[in-house]
Amino acid sequence: MIYHHISEIIGRTPLLRIAPEVHGLPRVELYAKLELFNPFGSLKDRMAWAMLRDEIPALQIAPKTVLESSSGNTAKGLAVLAGVHGLTFKTITNRINVPEVKKILKIIGAEIVELPGVSECPDPSDPNNPLAEIEREMVRRPDCYLHTSQYTNLKNPQAHYDSTGREIYDDLGEVDFLFGTLGTTGSTRGIAAFLKERYPALVSVGVIAAKGDFIPGIRNVDEMQEVGIFERSRYDHILAVDSAEAIEDMLLLVRRCGVLCGPTSGAALRGALSFLRPLAPSFQVVKKAVVIICDRLEWYISYIEKRRPDLFAEHHGPGHSGVRAFKLAPDARPPEMPVTEAVAWVAAHHPLIVDLRGALGFRAGHIAGSLNLVDSIFEDLLDRGIPFSLGQKVLLVCPSGDRSARYAAFLREKGVEAYSLQGGLMAWRDAGLPLERRWERVPE
């Protein structure tokens, strides 16, 4: 078939039946909706074109820069579609945590305004907000931009109602279970709405990242309030998956199904398997379940390598086990120190205080004497060895204490007297304890 414009290739992606010997679920027909077959490699191609399509005629008469806050797939789609129509694209973000994504955006021609303070720890105290910066930019230069606003634009879920949901229904008819990951939430909202209109018994399950964890393209429970089109009532269940589980089931899709997808898709599959496994033996008839496979593998190599160096035959010396592979035992008590005890302990022992938040959150307020090491950088250091002497006492601080507790437990196993500040900086602040502030200008 011959196409005359790249936008004509968006959509009409295939469904792949996952063999029962792979998923192991009795009386379940499991299908993968392969959104990685969209021309720019992800399900966000549909939404990007839906937000831009009707604006193109006016923009070609009076050109504006297409503006969005996106750290990945939406930016790719918008940048390509803007470029092929002779327009420019700009993203303002603080969430580009995967180097390949940034490089691809550069190649496509996107202008990237990457705000400082990038961290894998969600930090409510960080004043660095890309959407607020976009609002300021729109006020400063109101005639220069078209803000597509993926987190509030109802064309986002409508694109999946009109196309993705309809395609699934045309291929499968009534579907019993739908599993998809929650980023902007547009795809799961739109698909589920279309399918439920035709089969109200559909069970819609949204998959998010575990608290304090980071999976590209997925929000965790602390971040869902940032998404304007998210409505909890549209999901029958919401499940949390951690990054190790996401990569494990990504490998299942890659190696057993030949689907070269990324960790976000692995998270969707893990959500489906963990949800259906206890239910499947009780099914009296065969149930149909669909998992949304959202994008491709190649964009996440560095992310996967950091968390699973064993896949790349990386060895860090005898006896070394990286922090990314470390998990607290289910019955283990993390080495946390309550704020009330921490004040006296810091005064008595003068420990190294490592603040794992982003740069702007740190400048807005931190414990006096703290060293600011963004959590992803700290993980890199720990995966290469302990970056301070074993005799050094350490207090780790993150926004709420979840992520720092795991690091402290890891350091304890290596012989370091390390603690996590219980409740994080928010607990310190809520206790009315002093914070040092530093507002020097961030270098360009």
Protein backbone atom coordinates (compact mmCIF):
# COMPACT_ATOMS: atom_id res chain seq x y z
CA MET A 1 0.00 0.00 0.00
CA ILE A 2 1.28 3.47 -0.88
CA TYR A 3 0.84 6.41 1.51
CA HIS A 4 1.32 10.07 0.65
CA HIS A 5 1.97 11.49 4.11
CA ILE A 6 3.52 10.02 7.25
CA SER A 7 0.42 10.95 9.29
CA GLU A 8 -1.59 8.45 7.24
CA ILE A 9 0.41 5.60 8.79
CA ILE A 10 -0.58 6.47 12.37
CA GLY A 11 -2.89 3.86 13.89
CA ARG A 12 -4.25 0.52 12.66
CA THR A 13 -1.66 -1.31 14.75
CA PRO A 14 -1.81 -5.12 15.08
CA LEU A 15 -2.94 -7.30 17.94
CA LEU A 16 -0.64 -10.19 18.87
CA ARG A 17 -1.99 -13.22 20.70
CA ILE A 18 0.40 -14.19 23.50
CA ALA A 19 0.75 -17.96 23.64
CA PRO A 20 -0.70 -19.66 26.76
CA GLU A 21 2.65 -21.35 27.45
CA VAL A 22 4.14 -17.85 27.80
CA HIS A 23 1.53 -16.24 30.06
CA GLY A 24 0.48 -19.41 31.93
CA LEU A 25 -3.08 -18.29 32.63
CA PRO A 26 -5.82 -20.94 32.28
CA ARG A 27 -8.93 -19.94 30.33
CA VAL A 28 -7.45 -16.60 29.31
CA GLU A 29 -6.82 -15.35 25.79
CA LEU A 30 -4.22 -12.60 26.21
CA TYR A 31 -3.57 -10.10 23.42
CA ALA A 32 -0.92 -7.40 23.05
CA LYS A 33 -1.94 -4.22 21.20
CA LEU A 34 1.35 -3.35 19.48
CA GLU A 35 1.41 0.45 19.56
CA LEU A 36 5.15 0.39 18.88
CA PHE A 37 4.18 -0.13 15.22
CA ASN A 38 3.10 3.51 14.94
CA PRO A 39 5.50 5.43 12.67
CA PHE A 40 7.34 7.27 15.45
CA GLY A 41 7.34 4.21 17.69
CA SER A 42 4.67 4.75 20.34
CA LEU A 43 1.00 5.08 21.15
CA LYS A 44 1.57 8.83 21.69
CA ASP A 45 1.70 9.27 17.89
CA ARG A 46 -2.10 9.05 17.83
CA MET A 47 -2.56 11.70 20.49
CA ALA A 48 0.11 14.01 19.05
CA TRP A 49 -1.60 14.03 15.66
CA ALA A 50 -5.05 14.48 17.21
CA MET A 51 -3.88 17.58 19.12
CA LEU A 52 -2.11 19.07 16.11
CA ARG A 53 -4.16 18.02 13.07
CA ASP A 54 -6.90 20.67 13.20
CA GLU A 55 -4.38 23.43 13.99
CA ILE A 56 -2.17 22.88 10.95
CA PRO A 57 -4.05 25.09 8.41
CA ALA A 58 -3.97 28.15 10.70
CA LEU A 59 -0.36 27.51 11.74
CA GLN A 60 0.78 27.40 8.13
CA ILE A 61 -0.75 30.83 7.57
CA ALA A 62 0.55 32.34 10.82
CA PRO A 63 3.35 30.01 12.05
CA LYS A 64 3.80 29.39 15.76
CA THR A 65 6.09 27.09 17.68
CA VAL A 66 4.35 24.00 19.01
CA LEU A 67 4.96 23.94 22.77
CA GLU A 68 4.56 21.02 25.17
CA SER A 69 5.86 19.66 28.45
CA SER A 70 7.05 16.19 27.48
CA SER A 71 10.02 14.03 28.38
CA GLY A 72 9.68 11.52 25.58
CA ASN A 73 7.12 9.98 23.28
CA THR A 74 4.71 12.90 23.00
CA ALA A 75 7.62 15.21 22.23
CA LYS A 76 8.86 12.82 19.54
CA GLY A 77 5.49 12.68 17.85
CA LEU A 78 4.85 16.41 18.02
CA ALA A 79 8.39 17.28 16.90
CA VAL A 80 8.20 15.07 13.80
CA LEU A 81 4.68 16.18 12.87
CA ALA A 82 5.58 19.84 13.36
CA GLY A 83 8.73 19.42 11.29
CA VAL A 84 7.05 17.77 8.29
CA HIS A 85 4.58 20.66 8.22
CA GLY A 86 7.33 23.29 8.30
CA LEU A 87 6.84 24.19 11.97
CA THR A 88 9.12 24.21 15.00
CA PHE A 89 8.67 22.36 18.28
CA LYS A 90 9.79 23.15 21.82
CA THR A 91 9.51 21.08 24.98
CA ILE A 92 9.93 22.42 28.51
CA THR A 93 10.54 19.57 30.94
CA ASN A 94 12.39 18.40 34.02
CA ARG A 95 11.77 14.68 33.47
CA ILE A 96 14.23 13.58 30.76
CA ASN A 97 15.92 10.85 32.81
CA VAL A 98 16.87 8.65 29.84
CA PRO A 99 19.78 9.95 27.68
CA GLU A 100 18.64 8.21 24.47
CA VAL A 101 15.36 10.12 24.53
CA LYS A 102 17.15 13.45 24.68
CA LYS A 103 19.46 12.50 21.83
CA ILE A 104 16.57 11.38 19.63
CA LEU A 105 14.73 14.64 20.27
CA LYS A 106 17.85 16.56 19.25
CA ILE A 107 18.12 14.59 16.00
CA ILE A 108 14.44 15.23 15.22
CA GLY A 109 15.02 18.96 15.65
CA ALA A 110 13.23 19.66 18.92
CA GLU A 111 14.24 22.60 21.05
CA ILE A 112 14.66 21.30 24.60
CA VAL A 113 14.41 23.55 27.64
CA GLU A 114 15.51 21.19 30.37
CA LEU A 115 14.82 22.73 33.74
CA PRO A 116 17.32 21.97 36.52
CA GLY A 117 16.48 19.76 39.42
CA VAL A 118 15.81 16.58 37.44
CA SER A 119 15.29 13.77 39.91
CA GLU A 120 13.65 10.36 39.98
CA CYS A 121 12.29 11.27 43.44
CA PRO A 122 8.99 13.17 43.20
CA ASP A 123 9.53 16.26 45.33
CA PRO A 124 6.48 18.35 46.34
CA SER A 125 8.83 20.99 47.79
CA ASP A 126 10.60 21.59 44.46
CA PRO A 127 9.41 24.91 42.98
CA ASN A 128 10.63 23.85 39.54
CA ASN A 129 7.40 23.19 37.62
CA PRO A 130 7.51 22.85 33.80
CA LEU A 131 3.80 23.66 33.43
CA ALA A 132 4.25 26.86 35.44
CA GLU A 133 7.20 27.77 33.22
CA ILE A 134 5.06 27.16 30.12
CA GLU A 135 2.39 29.47 31.54
CA ARG A 136 5.00 32.17 32.10
CA GLU A 137 6.33 31.70 28.57
CA MET A 138 2.83 31.97 27.11
CA VAL A 139 2.31 35.24 28.99
CA ARG A 140 5.67 36.63 27.86
CA ARG A 141 5.17 35.68 24.19
CA PRO A 142 1.47 34.98 23.66
CA ASP A 143 1.58 35.09 19.85
CA CYS A 144 4.56 32.76 19.46
CA TYR A 145 3.23 29.42 20.71
CA LEU A 146 0.57 26.78 20.34
CA HIS A 147 0.48 24.91 23.67
CA THR A 148 -0.91 21.43 22.98
CA SER A 149 -1.27 20.72 26.74
CA GLN A 150 -1.31 16.91 26.72
CA TYR A 151 -2.23 16.66 30.42
CA THR A 152 -5.47 18.61 30.04
CA ASN A 153 -6.34 18.41 26.34
CA LEU A 154 -9.39 16.17 25.87
CA LYS A 155 -8.26 15.42 22.31
CA ASN A 156 -5.78 13.10 24.04
CA PRO A 157 -8.31 10.50 25.29
CA GLN A 158 -10.59 11.23 22.32
CA ALA A 159 -7.86 10.07 19.93
CA HIS A 160 -7.85 6.64 21.58
CA TYR A 161 -11.64 6.51 21.81
CA ASP A 162 -11.88 7.18 18.07
CA SER A 163 -9.10 4.88 16.93
CA THR A 164 -7.36 2.53 19.41
CA GLY A 165 -10.50 1.42 21.21
CA ARG A 166 -12.40 1.00 17.95
CA GLU A 167 -9.57 -1.07 16.43
CA ILE A 168 -9.50 -3.43 19.43
CA TYR A 169 -13.27 -3.87 19.27
CA ASP A 170 -13.24 -4.45 15.51
CA ASP A 171 -10.61 -7.18 15.94
CA LEU A 172 -11.81 -8.87 19.15
CA GLY A 173 -15.37 -7.81 19.85
CA GLU A 174 -16.19 -7.74 23.56
CA VAL A 175 -13.12 -7.59 25.83
CA ASP A 176 -13.20 -8.68 29.48
CA PHE A 177 -10.02 -7.01 30.77
CA LEU A 178 -7.95 -4.00 29.66
CA PHE A 179 -4.47 -3.28 31.09
CA GLY A 180 -2.53 -0.10 30.36
CA THR A 181 0.00 2.11 32.10
CA LEU A 182 -0.87 5.59 33.38
CA GLY A 183 1.18 8.55 32.15
CA THR A 184 -1.13 11.26 30.86
CA THR A 185 -3.85 8.56 31.23
CA GLY A 186 -5.29 9.49 27.83
CA SER A 187 -4.88 6.10 26.16
CA THR A 188 -6.46 3.98 28.91
CA ARG A 189 -9.25 6.49 29.44
CA GLY A 190 -10.16 6.66 25.75
CA ILE A 191 -9.85 2.93 25.02
CA ALA A 192 -11.80 1.89 28.10
CA ALA A 193 -14.58 4.39 27.36
CA PHE A 194 -15.10 2.98 23.86
CA LEU A 195 -15.00 -0.65 24.98
CA LYS A 196 -17.22 -0.17 28.05
CA GLU A 197 -19.93 1.45 25.95
CA ARG A 198 -20.16 -1.83 24.03
CA TYR A 199 -19.50 -4.20 26.96
CA PRO A 200 -20.12 -2.62 30.39
CA ALA A 201 -18.64 -5.65 32.17
CA LEU A 202 -15.13 -4.70 30.96
CA VAL A 203 -12.66 -4.46 33.85
CA SER A 204 -10.24 -1.57 33.27
CA VAL A 205 -6.94 -1.75 35.16
CA GLY A 206 -4.42 1.10 35.27
CA VAL A 207 -0.78 0.34 36.09
CA ILE A 208 1.40 2.90 37.90
CA ALA A 209 4.97 2.86 39.20
CA ALA A 210 5.56 1.78 42.81
CA LYS A 211 5.89 4.56 45.35
CA GLY A 212 9.37 6.07 45.16
CA ASP A 213 10.25 4.15 41.99
CA PHE A 214 10.77 5.35 38.41
CA ILE A 215 9.56 3.69 35.20
CA PRO A 216 9.80 5.87 32.05
CA GLY A 217 6.46 7.21 30.94
CA ILE A 218 4.55 6.10 34.05
CA ARG A 219 3.45 8.20 36.98
CA ASN A 220 3.54 6.92 40.52
CA VAL A 221 0.95 7.50 43.21
CA ASP A 222 2.58 10.75 44.35
CA GLU A 223 2.44 12.22 40.84
CA MET A 224 -1.10 11.37 39.69
CA GLN A 225 -2.45 14.69 40.95
CA GLU A 226 -0.31 16.42 38.30
CA VAL A 227 -2.42 14.92 35.49
CA GLY A 228 -5.42 17.07 34.62
CA ILE A 229 -7.35 14.45 32.64
CA PHE A 230 -6.87 11.66 35.22
CA GLU A 231 -10.16 10.51 36.74
CA ARG A 232 -9.90 7.71 39.29
CA SER A 233 -13.49 6.64 38.73
CA ARG A 234 -12.69 5.50 35.18
CA TYR A 235 -10.57 2.59 36.48
CA ASP A 236 -11.87 -0.48 38.24
CA HIS A 237 -8.43 -1.12 39.71
CA ILE A 238 -5.04 0.62 39.87
CA LEU A 239 -1.97 -1.54 40.48
CA ALA A 240 1.59 -0.54 41.34
CA VAL A 241 4.59 -2.24 39.68
CA ASP A 242 8.25 -1.64 40.45
CA SER A 243 11.01 -1.14 37.89
CA ALA A 244 12.55 -4.58 38.45
CA GLU A 245 9.20 -6.25 37.70
CA ALA A 246 8.71 -4.06 34.64
CA ILE A 247 12.09 -5.05 33.19
CA GLU A 248 11.52 -8.72 33.98
CA ASP A 249 8.28 -8.87 32.01
CA MET A 250 9.72 -6.69 29.27
CA LEU A 251 12.29 -9.46 28.83
CA LEU A 252 9.45 -11.99 28.65
CA LEU A 253 7.87 -10.03 25.80
CA VAL A 254 11.19 -9.55 24.02
CA ARG A 255 12.55 -13.08 24.36
CA ARG A 256 9.41 -15.23 24.27
CA CYS A 257 7.14 -13.15 22.02
CA GLY A 258 9.59 -11.27 19.79
CA VAL A 259 8.08 -7.92 20.81
CA LEU A 260 10.90 -5.36 21.07
CA CYS A 261 9.17 -3.18 23.63
CA GLY A 262 10.37 -1.01 26.50
CA PRO A 263 10.00 -1.32 30.28
CA THR A 264 6.69 0.56 30.30
CA SER A 265 5.13 -2.26 28.30
CA GLY A 266 6.73 -4.77 30.67
CA ALA A 267 4.99 -2.98 33.53
CA ALA A 268 1.63 -3.32 31.75
CA LEU A 269 2.19 -7.06 31.27
CA ARG A 270 3.26 -7.51 34.90
CA GLY A 271 0.08 -5.75 35.97
CA ALA A 272 -2.00 -8.08 33.80
CA LEU A 273 -0.33 -11.28 34.99
CA SER A 274 -0.38 -10.37 38.68
CA PHE A 275 -4.04 -9.33 38.47
CA LEU A 276 -5.29 -12.31 36.45
CA ARG A 277 -3.20 -15.10 38.01
CA PRO A 278 -5.33 -15.54 41.15
CA LEU A 279 -8.58 -15.09 39.20
CA ALA A 280 -8.01 -17.29 36.15
CA PRO A 281 -8.54 -20.72 37.82
CA SER A 282 -12.09 -19.68 38.75
CA PHE A 283 -13.13 -18.60 35.24
CA GLN A 284 -15.91 -20.79 33.86
CA VAL A 285 -15.48 -19.51 30.30
CA VAL A 286 -12.52 -18.16 28.35
CA LYS A 287 -11.86 -14.47 29.07
CA LYS A 288 -10.27 -12.00 26.64
CA ALA A 289 -7.66 -9.59 27.99
CA VAL A 290 -5.74 -6.85 26.18
CA VAL A 291 -2.41 -5.34 27.25
CA ILE A 292 -1.30 -2.05 25.67
CA ILE A 293 2.29 -2.29 24.40
CA CYS A 294 3.15 1.36 24.24
CA ASP A 295 6.62 1.83 22.74
CA ARG A 296 9.97 0.42 21.65
CA LEU A 297 13.00 -1.03 23.41
CA GLU A 298 15.85 0.94 21.85
CA TRP A 299 15.09 4.22 23.64
CA TYR A 300 15.70 2.75 27.10
CA ILE A 301 19.02 0.92 26.84
CA SER A 302 20.81 3.09 29.41
CA TYR A 303 17.85 2.87 31.81
CA ILE A 304 17.88 -0.93 31.56
CA GLU A 305 21.66 -1.13 31.83
CA LYS A 306 21.65 0.82 35.10
CA ARG A 307 19.10 -1.50 36.66
CA ARG A 308 20.18 -4.78 35.12
CA PRO A 309 23.93 -4.63 34.40
CA ASP A 310 23.94 -8.43 34.35
CA LEU A 311 22.17 -8.28 30.98
CA PHE A 312 25.21 -6.53 29.52
CA ALA A 313 27.83 -8.77 31.17
CA GLU A 314 28.96 -5.86 33.35
CA HIS A 315 30.94 -6.85 36.42
CA HIS A 316 31.96 -4.45 39.17
CA GLY A 317 34.37 -6.67 41.05
CA PRO A 318 34.04 -9.67 43.36
CA GLY A 319 31.27 -9.50 45.88
CA HIS A 320 29.81 -6.26 44.53
CA SER A 321 26.04 -6.09 44.22
CA GLY A 322 24.59 -2.87 42.83
CA VAL A 323 22.03 -0.77 44.68
CA ARG A 324 19.56 -0.95 41.79
CA ALA A 325 19.25 -4.70 42.26
CA PHE A 326 18.92 -4.32 46.05
CA LYS A 327 15.57 -4.91 47.75
CA LEU A 328 14.66 -4.81 51.39
CA ALA A 329 13.46 -8.15 52.70
CA PRO A 330 9.67 -8.08 53.28
CA ASP A 331 10.10 -8.36 57.06
CA ALA A 332 13.13 -6.07 57.27
CA ARG A 333 12.91 -2.79 59.15
CA PRO A 334 14.61 0.05 57.25
CA PRO A 335 17.27 2.02 59.14
CA GLU A 336 15.17 5.15 59.64
CA MET A 337 15.80 7.92 62.15
CA PRO A 338 12.88 10.05 63.37
CA VAL A 339 13.29 13.80 63.03
CA THR A 340 13.32 14.31 66.80
CA GLU A 341 16.31 11.95 67.18
CA ALA A 342 18.06 13.20 64.05
CA VAL A 343 18.50 16.73 65.40
CA ALA A 344 20.53 15.54 68.41
CA TRP A 345 22.37 12.87 66.41
CA VAL A 346 23.50 15.37 63.76
CA ALA A 347 24.69 17.79 66.46
CA ALA A 348 26.61 15.05 68.26
CA HIS A 349 28.18 13.17 65.36
CA HIS A 350 28.40 15.65 62.44
CA PRO A 351 27.48 13.03 59.82
CA LEU A 352 27.61 13.43 56.08
CA ILE A 353 24.08 14.56 55.15
CA VAL A 354 23.20 13.66 51.56
CA ASP A 355 20.11 15.37 50.14
CA LEU A 356 18.82 13.34 47.17
CA ARG A 357 16.34 15.88 45.81
CA GLY A 358 16.57 18.01 42.71
CA ALA A 359 18.67 21.17 42.60
CA LEU A 360 15.87 23.73 42.87
CA GLY A 361 14.14 21.91 45.70
CA PHE A 362 17.51 21.83 47.49
CA ARG A 363 18.03 25.55 46.96
CA ALA A 364 14.53 26.29 48.24
CA GLY A 365 15.37 24.69 51.57
CA HIS A 366 17.69 22.04 53.01
CA ILE A 367 19.27 20.91 56.25
CA ALA A 368 22.34 23.01 56.97
CA GLY A 369 25.56 21.34 55.85
CA SER A 370 23.86 18.99 53.38
CA LEU A 371 25.51 17.77 50.21
CA ASN A 372 23.12 17.73 47.22
CA LEU A 373 23.44 14.58 45.09
CA VAL A 374 20.42 13.90 42.87
CA ASP A 375 19.20 10.34 43.50
CA SER A 376 20.08 9.02 40.03
CA ILE A 377 23.67 10.29 40.41
CA PHE A 378 23.89 8.80 43.90
CA GLU A 379 22.74 5.44 42.50
CA ASP A 380 25.47 5.61 39.86
CA LEU A 381 28.07 6.20 42.58
CA LEU A 382 26.81 3.33 44.72
CA ASP A 383 26.79 0.96 41.75
CA ARG A 384 30.50 1.65 41.32
CA GLY A 385 31.37 1.25 44.98
CA ILE A 386 30.90 3.10 48.28
CA PRO A 387 31.92 6.76 47.66
CA PHE A 388 33.05 7.47 51.25
CA SER A 389 34.93 5.68 54.01
CA LEU A 390 33.22 2.90 55.93
CA GLY A 391 33.78 4.87 59.14
CA GLN A 392 31.72 7.81 57.86
CA LYS A 393 28.31 8.26 59.46
CA VAL A 394 25.66 9.14 56.86
CA LEU A 395 22.15 10.62 56.97
CA LEU A 396 20.19 10.36 53.71
CA VAL A 397 17.36 12.76 52.94
CA CYS A 398 14.72 12.58 50.20
CA PRO A 399 11.30 14.27 49.99
CA SER A 400 9.32 11.69 51.98
CA GLY A 401 11.92 9.14 53.11
CA ASP A 402 10.90 6.21 50.89
CA ARG A 403 13.80 6.13 48.46
CA SER A 404 16.46 7.12 50.99
CA ALA A 405 15.43 4.22 53.26
CA ARG A 406 16.41 1.68 50.60
CA TYR A 407 19.77 3.37 50.05
CA ALA A 408 20.42 3.43 53.79
CA ALA A 409 19.64 -0.29 54.07
CA PHE A 410 22.01 -1.01 51.17
CA LEU A 411 24.82 1.00 52.80
CA ARG A 412 24.23 -0.82 56.10
CA GLU A 413 24.84 -4.12 54.34
CA LYS A 414 28.17 -2.70 53.14
CA GLY A 415 29.21 -1.74 56.68
CA VAL A 416 28.34 1.97 56.68
CA GLU A 417 26.46 3.47 59.62
CA ALA A 418 23.74 5.03 57.48
CA TYR A 419 20.24 6.24 58.32
CA SER A 420 17.33 7.58 56.34
CA LEU A 421 15.53 10.62 57.71
CA GLN A 422 12.09 9.25 58.54
CA GLY A 423 9.43 11.17 56.63
CA GLY A 424 12.11 12.97 54.63
CA LEU A 425 12.54 16.70 54.31
CA MET A 426 8.78 17.20 54.54
CA ALA A 427 8.83 15.78 58.09
CA TRP A 428 11.76 18.05 58.99
CA ARG A 429 9.93 21.08 57.60
CA ASP A 430 6.62 20.13 59.23
CA ALA A 431 8.39 19.89 62.58
CA GLY A 432 9.32 23.58 62.21
CA LEU A 433 13.05 22.87 62.12
CA PRO A 434 15.39 25.36 60.43
CA LEU A 435 16.19 25.12 56.73
CA GLU A 436 19.06 26.75 54.94
CA ARG A 437 18.13 28.45 51.65
CA ARG A 438 20.31 29.26 48.70
CA TRP A 439 18.89 31.08 45.70
CA GLU A 440 21.93 31.78 43.58
CA ARG A 441 21.28 31.85 39.85
CA VAL A 442 21.41 28.46 38.17
CA PRO A 443 24.16 28.42 35.48
CA GLU A 444 22.99 28.25 31.88
